[in-house]
Amino acid sequence: MADARAGRVDASVAALKPIKNADAQELLCKLYSSVDARDAAISACESAVSLAPSNSDYALELARVYGNKADHSGTFTGMRMVSKIRTNFEKAVQLNPKSVEALSDLGQFYAEAPGIVGGGADKARDLVTRLQPLSPARSHRLAAMIAAKAKDDTTAEAEYRAELAAGHTPEAYVDLAGFYRSRKQNDRAVENARLALAADTHRGPDTLDAAKILIDLQHPADAVNGLRAYLNTQQAGVSAFAQAHVLLGNALRATGDTAGAQKEFAAALALAPNYDAARKGAGQ
């Protein structure tokens, strides 16, 4: 819907809440996720899965919002949610065995989670093989994650570079930037984040991810143009314009442009008045 593509979160939520079908509930889930309303996102995604239990995409989205909640919770809450995350990732793959997104996310879960909760490198390697004919880039990406988890940095870097060679996608540059950042090779991280912005001509989520890295590594000026380009691009689905305004506000504030930053936080609040990150930025 037009409001969702334009990032008008509150208007979209108000329109969608009365609609009790799976598509509307999944869209609600994505809208809530775009402004970190994690509990509301979980509730909406659970409704979508309940209404359409054979839909792989809905199971995948539910696993992702459970994961987002776990990442921002304490250890006890996070551990309680692990089985829900794994179950829904596995369900998404079972419902659509050729879904690159579902296979990739399940593989990442297996690579990162300990065996006691259903993870394991062997399970992840099986998915590397399954991904290879579907997406060589994602296959290399998962192999890199497995190697990085095992602290085999040489192999991990080689696999991330193989991901990049498979298509020179913005995602591959972001992945390399994230790897270098985790290894405190900040100059290389910044270089690849800049390359991600240059490669993401369609201005999707990779622009936001690259901008976050640049801001965190104290190169906010490099993020500004990419974020402005994102905000001037019509998104195909749910936009993250409120999040982009907050990131741009943070970048501008870091460059010393306090007035410009406040305008961006105000723009985010106009789209989503209860967005905590925007309220914090605006000093509310």
C-alpha atoms as a PDB file:
ATOM      1  CA  MET A   1       0.000   0.000   0.000  1.00  0.00           C
ATOM      2  CA  ALA A   2       1.062   3.580  -0.638  1.00  0.00           C
ATOM      3  CA  ASP A   3       1.457   4.558   3.022  1.00  0.00           C
ATOM      4  CA  ALA A   4       3.779   1.603   3.676  1.00  0.00           C
ATOM      5  CA  ARG A   5       5.937   2.408   0.647  1.00  0.00           C
ATOM      6  CA  ALA A   6       6.109   6.032   1.791  1.00  0.00           C
ATOM      7  CA  GLY A   7       7.159   5.013   5.290  1.00  0.00           C
ATOM      8  CA  ARG A   8       4.060   6.368   7.013  1.00  0.00           C
ATOM      9  CA  VAL A   9       4.094   3.768   9.770  1.00  0.00           C
ATOM     10  CA  ASP A  10       1.261   4.977  11.989  1.00  0.00           C
ATOM     11  CA  ALA A  11      -1.087   5.625   9.069  1.00  0.00           C
ATOM     12  CA  SER A  12      -0.353   2.190   7.636  1.00  0.00           C
ATOM     13  CA  VAL A  13      -0.862   0.453  10.954  1.00  0.00           C
ATOM     14  CA  ALA A  14      -4.201   2.189  11.488  1.00  0.00           C
ATOM     15  CA  ALA A  15      -5.380   1.076   8.048  1.00  0.00           C
ATOM     16  CA  LEU A  16      -4.169  -2.506   8.385  1.00  0.00           C
ATOM     17  CA  LYS A  17      -5.197  -3.370  11.945  1.00  0.00           C
ATOM     18  CA  PRO A  18      -8.874  -4.019  11.090  1.00  0.00           C
ATOM     19  CA  ILE A  19      -7.913  -6.353   8.211  1.00  0.00           C
ATOM     20  CA  LYS A  20      -7.695  -9.888   9.568  1.00  0.00           C
ATOM     21  CA  ASN A  21      -5.990 -11.726   6.736  1.00  0.00           C
ATOM     22  CA  ALA A  22      -2.480 -13.143   6.514  1.00  0.00           C
ATOM     23  CA  ASP A  23      -1.121 -10.633   4.002  1.00  0.00           C
ATOM     24  CA  ALA A  24      -2.230  -7.677   6.114  1.00  0.00           C
ATOM     25  CA  GLN A  25      -0.790  -9.206   9.263  1.00  0.00           C
ATOM     26  CA  GLU A  26       2.584  -9.863   7.622  1.00  0.00           C
ATOM     27  CA  LEU A  27       2.689  -6.287   6.356  1.00  0.00           C
ATOM     28  CA  LEU A  28       1.891  -5.101   9.881  1.00  0.00           C
ATOM     29  CA  CYS A  29       4.740  -7.252  11.145  1.00  0.00           C
ATOM     30  CA  LYS A  30       7.202  -5.603   8.750  1.00  0.00           C
ATOM     31  CA  LEU A  31       5.948  -2.125   9.614  1.00  0.00           C
ATOM     32  CA  TYR A  32       6.390  -2.731  13.327  1.00  0.00           C
ATOM     33  CA  SER A  33       9.852  -4.198  12.697  1.00  0.00           C
ATOM     34  CA  SER A  34      10.888  -1.088  10.764  1.00  0.00           C
ATOM     35  CA  VAL A  35      10.548   0.981  13.948  1.00  0.00           C
ATOM     36  CA  ASP A  36      11.800  -1.656  16.414  1.00  0.00           C
ATOM     37  CA  ALA A  37       8.353  -2.384  17.866  1.00  0.00           C
ATOM     38  CA  ARG A  38       9.445  -5.976  18.411  1.00  0.00           C
ATOM     39  CA  ASP A  39       6.590  -7.342  20.546  1.00  0.00           C
ATOM     40  CA  ALA A  40       3.951  -5.926  18.204  1.00  0.00           C
ATOM     41  CA  ALA A  41       5.866  -7.341  15.227  1.00  0.00           C
ATOM     42  CA  ILE A  42       5.894 -10.791  16.804  1.00  0.00           C
ATOM     43  CA  SER A  43       2.164 -10.666  17.491  1.00  0.00           C
ATOM     44  CA  ALA A  44       1.378  -9.672  13.891  1.00  0.00           C
ATOM     45  CA  CYS A  45       3.694 -12.283  12.389  1.00  0.00           C
ATOM     46  CA  GLU A  46       2.266 -14.978  14.646  1.00  0.00           C
ATOM     47  CA  SER A  47      -1.191 -14.038  13.340  1.00  0.00           C
ATOM     48  CA  ALA A  48       0.015 -14.277   9.736  1.00  0.00           C
ATOM     49  CA  VAL A  49       1.472 -17.744  10.321  1.00  0.00           C
ATOM     50  CA  SER A  50      -1.679 -18.875  12.122  1.00  0.00           C
ATOM     51  CA  LEU A  51      -3.843 -17.693   9.221  1.00  0.00           C
ATOM     52  CA  ALA A  52      -1.581 -19.164   6.515  1.00  0.00           C
ATOM     53  CA  PRO A  53       0.453 -22.000   8.065  1.00  0.00           C
ATOM     54  CA  SER A  54       1.693 -23.293   4.703  1.00  0.00           C
ATOM     55  CA  ASN A  55       3.309 -20.005   3.654  1.00  0.00           C
ATOM     56  CA  SER A  56       7.119 -20.196   3.807  1.00  0.00           C
ATOM     57  CA  ASP A  57       7.631 -16.422   3.708  1.00  0.00           C
ATOM     58  CA  TYR A  58       5.481 -15.864   6.779  1.00  0.00           C
ATOM     59  CA  ALA A  59       7.337 -18.531   8.770  1.00  0.00           C
ATOM     60  CA  LEU A  60      10.625 -16.941   7.714  1.00  0.00           C
ATOM     61  CA  GLU A  61       9.518 -13.472   8.787  1.00  0.00           C
ATOM     62  CA  LEU A  62       8.328 -14.822  12.135  1.00  0.00           C
ATOM     63  CA  ALA A  63      11.708 -16.486  12.734  1.00  0.00           C
ATOM     64  CA  ARG A  64      13.428 -13.198  11.937  1.00  0.00           C
ATOM     65  CA  VAL A  65      11.338 -11.149  14.367  1.00  0.00           C
ATOM     66  CA  TYR A  66      11.881 -13.747  17.090  1.00  0.00           C
ATOM     67  CA  GLY A  67      15.596 -13.446  16.382  1.00  0.00           C
ATOM     68  CA  ASN A  68      15.461  -9.659  16.542  1.00  0.00           C
ATOM     69  CA  LYS A  69      13.705  -9.859  19.893  1.00  0.00           C
ATOM     70  CA  ALA A  70      16.287 -12.341  21.199  1.00  0.00           C
ATOM     71  CA  ASP A  71      19.157 -10.108  20.053  1.00  0.00           C
ATOM     72  CA  HIS A  72      17.770  -7.217  22.078  1.00  0.00           C
ATOM     73  CA  SER A  73      16.820  -9.152  25.209  1.00  0.00           C
ATOM     74  CA  GLY A  74      18.665 -10.515  28.191  1.00  0.00           C
ATOM     75  CA  THR A  75      20.293 -13.930  28.106  1.00  0.00           C
ATOM     76  CA  PHE A  76      17.367 -15.736  29.735  1.00  0.00           C
ATOM     77  CA  THR A  77      14.725 -14.326  27.363  1.00  0.00           C
ATOM     78  CA  GLY A  78      16.993 -14.865  24.381  1.00  0.00           C
ATOM     79  CA  MET A  79      17.585 -18.509  25.229  1.00  0.00           C
ATOM     80  CA  ARG A  80      13.856 -19.076  25.719  1.00  0.00           C
ATOM     81  CA  MET A  81      13.223 -17.918  22.162  1.00  0.00           C
ATOM     82  CA  VAL A  82      15.892 -20.000  20.436  1.00  0.00           C
ATOM     83  CA  SER A  83      13.667 -23.015  19.810  1.00  0.00           C
ATOM     84  CA  LYS A  84      10.991 -20.764  18.274  1.00  0.00           C
ATOM     85  CA  ILE A  85      13.597 -19.203  15.995  1.00  0.00           C
ATOM     86  CA  ARG A  86      14.960 -22.572  14.857  1.00  0.00           C
ATOM     87  CA  THR A  87      11.514 -24.135  14.439  1.00  0.00           C
ATOM     88  CA  ASN A  88      10.281 -21.371  12.171  1.00  0.00           C
ATOM     89  CA  PHE A  89      13.458 -21.182  10.086  1.00  0.00           C
ATOM     90  CA  GLU A  90      13.253 -24.950   9.584  1.00  0.00           C
ATOM     91  CA  LYS A  91       9.556 -24.699   8.771  1.00  0.00           C
ATOM     92  CA  ALA A  92      10.250 -22.024   6.167  1.00  0.00           C
ATOM     93  CA  VAL A  93      12.756 -24.315   4.441  1.00  0.00           C
ATOM     94  CA  GLN A  94      10.438 -27.317   4.643  1.00  0.00           C
ATOM     95  CA  LEU A  95       7.636 -25.323   3.032  1.00  0.00           C
ATOM     96  CA  ASN A  96       9.896 -23.992   0.269  1.00  0.00           C
ATOM     97  CA  PRO A  97      13.110 -26.028  -0.064  1.00  0.00           C
ATOM     98  CA  LYS A  98      14.409 -23.762  -2.838  1.00  0.00           C
ATOM     99  CA  SER A  99      13.992 -20.479  -0.974  1.00  0.00           C
ATOM    100  CA  VAL A 100      17.417 -18.841  -0.972  1.00  0.00           C
ATOM    101  CA  GLU A 101      16.375 -16.501   1.836  1.00  0.00           C
ATOM    102  CA  ALA A 102      15.099 -19.304   4.064  1.00  0.00           C
ATOM    103  CA  LEU A 103      18.107 -21.540   3.413  1.00  0.00           C
ATOM    104  CA  SER A 104      20.486 -18.646   4.064  1.00  0.00           C
ATOM    105  CA  ASP A 105      18.850 -17.641   7.328  1.00  0.00           C
ATOM    106  CA  LEU A 106      18.599 -21.213   8.597  1.00  0.00           C
ATOM    107  CA  GLY A 107      22.240 -21.749   7.682  1.00  0.00           C
ATOM    108  CA  GLN A 108      23.260 -18.641   9.600  1.00  0.00           C
ATOM    109  CA  PHE A 109      21.325 -19.890  12.618  1.00  0.00           C
ATOM    110  CA  TYR A 110      23.044 -23.269  12.449  1.00  0.00           C
ATOM    111  CA  ALA A 111      26.452 -21.615  12.042  1.00  0.00           C
ATOM    112  CA  GLU A 112      26.028 -19.317  15.034  1.00  0.00           C
ATOM    113  CA  ALA A 113      23.969 -21.351  17.520  1.00  0.00           C
ATOM    114  CA  PRO A 114      25.535 -23.969  19.800  1.00  0.00           C
ATOM    115  CA  GLY A 115      24.654 -27.616  19.339  1.00  0.00           C
ATOM    116  CA  ILE A 116      22.688 -27.740  22.580  1.00  0.00           C
ATOM    117  CA  VAL A 117      19.988 -25.557  20.992  1.00  0.00           C
ATOM    118  CA  GLY A 118      20.045 -27.201  17.579  1.00  0.00           C
ATOM    119  CA  GLY A 119      22.909 -25.422  15.880  1.00  0.00           C
ATOM    120  CA  GLY A 120      26.090 -26.888  14.479  1.00  0.00           C
ATOM    121  CA  ALA A 121      28.669 -26.432  11.751  1.00  0.00           C
ATOM    122  CA  ASP A 122      27.819 -29.750  10.072  1.00  0.00           C
ATOM    123  CA  LYS A 123      24.189 -28.730   9.638  1.00  0.00           C
ATOM    124  CA  ALA A 124      25.297 -25.390   8.236  1.00  0.00           C
ATOM    125  CA  ARG A 125      27.704 -27.055   5.772  1.00  0.00           C
ATOM    126  CA  ASP A 126      24.849 -29.162   4.425  1.00  0.00           C
ATOM    127  CA  LEU A 127      23.049 -25.931   3.550  1.00  0.00           C
ATOM    128  CA  VAL A 128      26.163 -24.528   1.864  1.00  0.00           C
ATOM    129  CA  THR A 129      25.848 -27.434  -0.558  1.00  0.00           C
ATOM    130  CA  ARG A 130      22.116 -26.889  -1.046  1.00  0.00           C
ATOM    131  CA  LEU A 131      22.613 -23.184  -1.713  1.00  0.00           C
ATOM    132  CA  GLN A 132      25.368 -23.625  -4.282  1.00  0.00           C
ATOM    133  CA  PRO A 133      23.139 -24.295  -7.332  1.00  0.00           C
ATOM    134  CA  LEU A 134      20.564 -21.731  -6.209  1.00  0.00           C
ATOM    135  CA  SER A 135      22.868 -18.848  -5.278  1.00  0.00           C
ATOM    136  CA  PRO A 136      26.657 -19.261  -5.400  1.00  0.00           C
ATOM    137  CA  ALA A 137      27.036 -15.916  -3.615  1.00  0.00           C
ATOM    138  CA  ARG A 138      24.879 -16.961  -0.679  1.00  0.00           C
ATOM    139  CA  SER A 139      26.653 -20.320  -0.571  1.00  0.00           C
ATOM    140  CA  HIS A 140      30.018 -18.579  -0.190  1.00  0.00           C
ATOM    141  CA  ARG A 141      28.516 -16.184   2.339  1.00  0.00           C
ATOM    142  CA  LEU A 142      27.360 -19.046   4.553  1.00  0.00           C
ATOM    143  CA  ALA A 143      30.724 -20.808   4.196  1.00  0.00           C
ATOM    144  CA  ALA A 144      32.366 -17.575   5.337  1.00  0.00           C
ATOM    145  CA  MET A 145      30.138 -17.417   8.422  1.00  0.00           C
ATOM    146  CA  ILE A 146      31.022 -20.995   9.335  1.00  0.00           C
ATOM    147  CA  ALA A 147      34.735 -20.260   9.005  1.00  0.00           C
ATOM    148  CA  ALA A 148      34.456 -17.012  10.964  1.00  0.00           C
ATOM    149  CA  LYS A 149      32.660 -18.820  13.792  1.00  0.00           C
ATOM    150  CA  ALA A 150      35.549 -21.309  13.862  1.00  0.00           C
ATOM    151  CA  LYS A 151      38.002 -18.357  13.977  1.00  0.00           C
ATOM    152  CA  ASP A 152      39.467 -19.406  10.640  1.00  0.00           C
ATOM    153  CA  ASP A 153      39.835 -15.844   9.407  1.00  0.00           C
ATOM    154  CA  THR A 154      41.833 -16.740   6.312  1.00  0.00           C
ATOM    155  CA  THR A 155      39.089 -19.002   4.986  1.00  0.00           C
ATOM    156  CA  ALA A 156      36.347 -16.608   6.071  1.00  0.00           C
ATOM    157  CA  GLU A 157      37.911 -13.692   4.205  1.00  0.00           C
ATOM    158  CA  ALA A 158      38.443 -15.855   1.107  1.00  0.00           C
ATOM    159  CA  GLU A 159      34.802 -16.957   1.157  1.00  0.00           C
ATOM    160  CA  TYR A 160      33.511 -13.413   1.589  1.00  0.00           C
ATOM    161  CA  ARG A 161      35.680 -12.371  -1.361  1.00  0.00           C
ATOM    162  CA  ALA A 162      34.260 -15.292  -3.346  1.00  0.00           C
ATOM    163  CA  GLU A 163      30.780 -14.013  -2.492  1.00  0.00           C
ATOM    164  CA  LEU A 164      31.818 -10.625  -3.835  1.00  0.00           C
ATOM    165  CA  ALA A 165      33.293 -12.142  -7.009  1.00  0.00           C
ATOM    166  CA  ALA A 166      30.025 -13.984  -7.664  1.00  0.00           C
ATOM    167  CA  GLY A 167      28.180 -10.738  -8.331  1.00  0.00           C
ATOM    168  CA  HIS A 168      29.702  -7.616  -6.767  1.00  0.00           C
ATOM    169  CA  THR A 169      26.443  -7.023  -4.939  1.00  0.00           C
ATOM    170  CA  PRO A 170      25.938  -4.351  -2.265  1.00  0.00           C
ATOM    171  CA  GLU A 171      25.227  -7.163   0.198  1.00  0.00           C
ATOM    172  CA  ALA A 172      28.642  -8.714  -0.467  1.00  0.00           C
ATOM    173  CA  TYR A 173      30.398  -5.414   0.209  1.00  0.00           C
ATOM    174  CA  VAL A 174      28.396  -5.004   3.433  1.00  0.00           C
ATOM    175  CA  ASP A 175      29.337  -8.537   4.481  1.00  0.00           C
ATOM    176  CA  LEU A 176      33.032  -7.833   3.897  1.00  0.00           C
ATOM    177  CA  ALA A 177      32.720  -4.545   5.775  1.00  0.00           C
ATOM    178  CA  GLY A 178      31.096  -6.314   8.702  1.00  0.00           C
ATOM    179  CA  PHE A 179      33.780  -9.003   8.731  1.00  0.00           C
ATOM    180  CA  TYR A 180      36.611  -6.467   8.739  1.00  0.00           C
ATOM    181  CA  ARG A 181      34.877  -4.419  11.406  1.00  0.00           C
ATOM    182  CA  SER A 182      34.556  -7.496  13.644  1.00  0.00           C
ATOM    183  CA  ARG A 183      38.301  -8.050  13.218  1.00  0.00           C
ATOM    184  CA  LYS A 184      39.050  -4.378  14.010  1.00  0.00           C
ATOM    185  CA  GLN A 185      40.362  -3.747  10.504  1.00  0.00           C
ATOM    186  CA  ASN A 186      38.471  -0.485  10.394  1.00  0.00           C
ATOM    187  CA  ASP A 187      40.071   1.023   7.290  1.00  0.00           C
ATOM    188  CA  ARG A 188      39.034  -1.994   5.237  1.00  0.00           C
ATOM    189  CA  ALA A 189      35.578  -1.938   6.816  1.00  0.00           C
ATOM    190  CA  VAL A 190      35.096   1.703   5.840  1.00  0.00           C
ATOM    191  CA  GLU A 191      36.367   1.067   2.307  1.00  0.00           C
ATOM    192  CA  ASN A 192      33.875  -1.744   1.727  1.00  0.00           C
ATOM    193  CA  ALA A 193      30.999   0.152   3.328  1.00  0.00           C
ATOM    194  CA  ARG A 194      31.669   2.979   0.878  1.00  0.00           C
ATOM    195  CA  LEU A 195      31.734   0.491  -1.985  1.00  0.00           C
ATOM    196  CA  ALA A 196      28.402  -0.916  -0.786  1.00  0.00           C
ATOM    197  CA  LEU A 197      26.835   2.537  -1.010  1.00  0.00           C
ATOM    198  CA  ALA A 198      28.226   3.013  -4.505  1.00  0.00           C
ATOM    199  CA  ALA A 199      26.966  -0.402  -5.630  1.00  0.00           C
ATOM    200  CA  ASP A 200      23.462  -0.067  -4.156  1.00  0.00           C
ATOM    201  CA  THR A 201      22.030   2.039  -6.963  1.00  0.00           C
ATOM    202  CA  HIS A 202      18.487   0.837  -6.169  1.00  0.00           C
ATOM    203  CA  ARG A 203      18.831   2.059  -2.579  1.00  0.00           C
ATOM    204  CA  GLY A 204      17.625  -0.874  -0.531  1.00  0.00           C
ATOM    205  CA  PRO A 205      18.437  -2.224   2.957  1.00  0.00           C
ATOM    206  CA  ASP A 206      22.150  -2.536   2.137  1.00  0.00           C
ATOM    207  CA  THR A 207      22.396   1.262   2.030  1.00  0.00           C
ATOM    208  CA  LEU A 208      21.129   1.415   5.608  1.00  0.00           C
ATOM    209  CA  ASP A 209      23.486  -1.345   6.747  1.00  0.00           C
ATOM    210  CA  ALA A 210      26.497   0.344   5.125  1.00  0.00           C
ATOM    211  CA  ALA A 211      25.513   3.693   6.633  1.00  0.00           C
ATOM    212  CA  LYS A 212      25.331   2.169  10.119  1.00  0.00           C
ATOM    213  CA  ILE A 213      28.867   0.838   9.764  1.00  0.00           C
ATOM    214  CA  LEU A 214      30.180   4.189   8.559  1.00  0.00           C
ATOM    215  CA  ILE A 215      28.485   6.092  11.376  1.00  0.00           C
ATOM    216  CA  ASP A 216      29.707   3.620  14.005  1.00  0.00           C
ATOM    217  CA  LEU A 217      33.270   3.852  12.665  1.00  0.00           C
ATOM    218  CA  GLN A 218      33.139   7.663  12.833  1.00  0.00           C
ATOM    219  CA  HIS A 219      32.811   8.345   9.123  1.00  0.00           C
ATOM    220  CA  PRO A 220      29.341   9.946   9.215  1.00  0.00           C
ATOM    221  CA  ALA A 221      29.898  12.273   6.257  1.00  0.00           C
ATOM    222  CA  ASP A 222      30.298   9.228   4.000  1.00  0.00           C
ATOM    223  CA  ALA A 223      26.861   7.992   5.059  1.00  0.00           C
ATOM    224  CA  VAL A 224      24.934  11.216   4.468  1.00  0.00           C
ATOM    225  CA  ASN A 225      24.571  11.119   0.678  1.00  0.00           C
ATOM    226  CA  GLY A 226      23.605   7.445   0.659  1.00  0.00           C
ATOM    227  CA  LEU A 227      20.912   8.001   3.268  1.00  0.00           C
ATOM    228  CA  ARG A 228      19.522  11.008   1.424  1.00  0.00           C
ATOM    229  CA  ALA A 229      19.426   8.961  -1.775  1.00  0.00           C
ATOM    230  CA  TYR A 230      17.550   6.198   0.074  1.00  0.00           C
ATOM    231  CA  LEU A 231      14.973   8.707   1.301  1.00  0.00           C
ATOM    232  CA  ASN A 232      14.483   9.949  -2.269  1.00  0.00           C
ATOM    233  CA  THR A 233      13.917   6.452  -3.679  1.00  0.00           C
ATOM    234  CA  GLN A 234      10.489   4.843  -3.945  1.00  0.00           C
ATOM    235  CA  GLN A 235      10.613   1.507  -2.155  1.00  0.00           C
ATOM    236  CA  ALA A 236       8.924  -1.562  -3.599  1.00  0.00           C
ATOM    237  CA  GLY A 237       7.511  -2.716  -0.269  1.00  0.00           C
ATOM    238  CA  VAL A 238       7.636  -1.464   3.304  1.00  0.00           C
ATOM    239  CA  SER A 239      10.132   1.366   3.478  1.00  0.00           C
ATOM    240  CA  ALA A 240      12.360   2.040   6.458  1.00  0.00           C
ATOM    241  CA  PHE A 241      12.180   5.789   5.983  1.00  0.00           C
ATOM    242  CA  ALA A 242      11.747   6.492   9.705  1.00  0.00           C
ATOM    243  CA  GLN A 243      14.883   4.494  10.431  1.00  0.00           C
ATOM    244  CA  ALA A 244      16.728   6.244   7.588  1.00  0.00           C
ATOM    245  CA  HIS A 245      15.766   9.661   8.961  1.00  0.00           C
ATOM    246  CA  VAL A 246      17.132   8.665  12.382  1.00  0.00           C
ATOM    247  CA  LEU A 247      20.379   7.384  10.865  1.00  0.00           C
ATOM    248  CA  LEU A 248      20.706  10.576   8.841  1.00  0.00           C
ATOM    249  CA  GLY A 249      20.028  12.604  11.965  1.00  0.00           C
ATOM    250  CA  ASN A 250      22.750  10.727  13.823  1.00  0.00           C
ATOM    251  CA  ALA A 251      25.165  11.214  10.920  1.00  0.00           C
ATOM    252  CA  LEU A 252      24.459  14.938  10.670  1.00  0.00           C
ATOM    253  CA  ARG A 253      24.800  15.423  14.406  1.00  0.00           C
ATOM    254  CA  ALA A 254      28.170  13.650  14.298  1.00  0.00           C
ATOM    255  CA  THR A 255      29.316  16.104  11.613  1.00  0.00           C
ATOM    256  CA  GLY A 256      28.257  19.047  13.785  1.00  0.00           C
ATOM    257  CA  ASP A 257      25.021  19.877  11.925  1.00  0.00           C
ATOM    258  CA  THR A 258      22.718  19.930  14.956  1.00  0.00           C
ATOM    259  CA  ALA A 259      19.901  21.801  13.230  1.00  0.00           C
ATOM    260  CA  GLY A 260      19.898  19.399  10.295  1.00  0.00           C
ATOM    261  CA  ALA A 261      19.878  16.465  12.691  1.00  0.00           C
ATOM    262  CA  GLN A 262      16.823  17.781  14.522  1.00  0.00           C
ATOM    263  CA  LYS A 263      14.961  18.146  11.233  1.00  0.00           C
ATOM    264  CA  GLU A 264      15.623  14.486  10.483  1.00  0.00           C
ATOM    265  CA  PHE A 265      14.472  13.306  13.920  1.00  0.00           C
ATOM    266  CA  ALA A 266      11.319  15.383  13.484  1.00  0.00           C
ATOM    267  CA  ALA A 267      10.736  13.812  10.061  1.00  0.00           C
ATOM    268  CA  ALA A 268      11.056  10.351  11.610  1.00  0.00           C
ATOM    269  CA  LEU A 269       8.552  11.246  14.337  1.00  0.00           C
ATOM    270  CA  ALA A 270       6.105  12.536  11.727  1.00  0.00           C
ATOM    271  CA  LEU A 271       6.103   9.039  10.234  1.00  0.00           C
ATOM    272  CA  ALA A 272       6.182   7.101  13.506  1.00  0.00           C
ATOM    273  CA  PRO A 273       5.463   9.232  16.608  1.00  0.00           C
ATOM    274  CA  ASN A 274       6.248   6.385  19.019  1.00  0.00           C
ATOM    275  CA  TYR A 275       9.575   5.372  17.466  1.00  0.00           C
ATOM    276  CA  ASP A 276      11.924   5.274  20.460  1.00  0.00           C
ATOM    277  CA  ALA A 277      15.111   5.933  18.469  1.00  0.00           C
ATOM    278  CA  ALA A 278      13.575   9.060  16.932  1.00  0.00           C
ATOM    279  CA  ARG A 279      12.288  10.299  20.272  1.00  0.00           C
ATOM    280  CA  LYS A 280      15.690   9.760  21.825  1.00  0.00           C
ATOM    281  CA  GLY A 281      17.382  11.626  18.988  1.00  0.00           C
ATOM    282  CA  ALA A 282      14.965  14.521  19.398  1.00  0.00           C
ATOM    283  CA  GLY A 283      15.601  14.612  23.132  1.00  0.00           C
ATOM    284  CA  GLN A 284      12.093  13.585  24.135  1.00  0.00           C
END
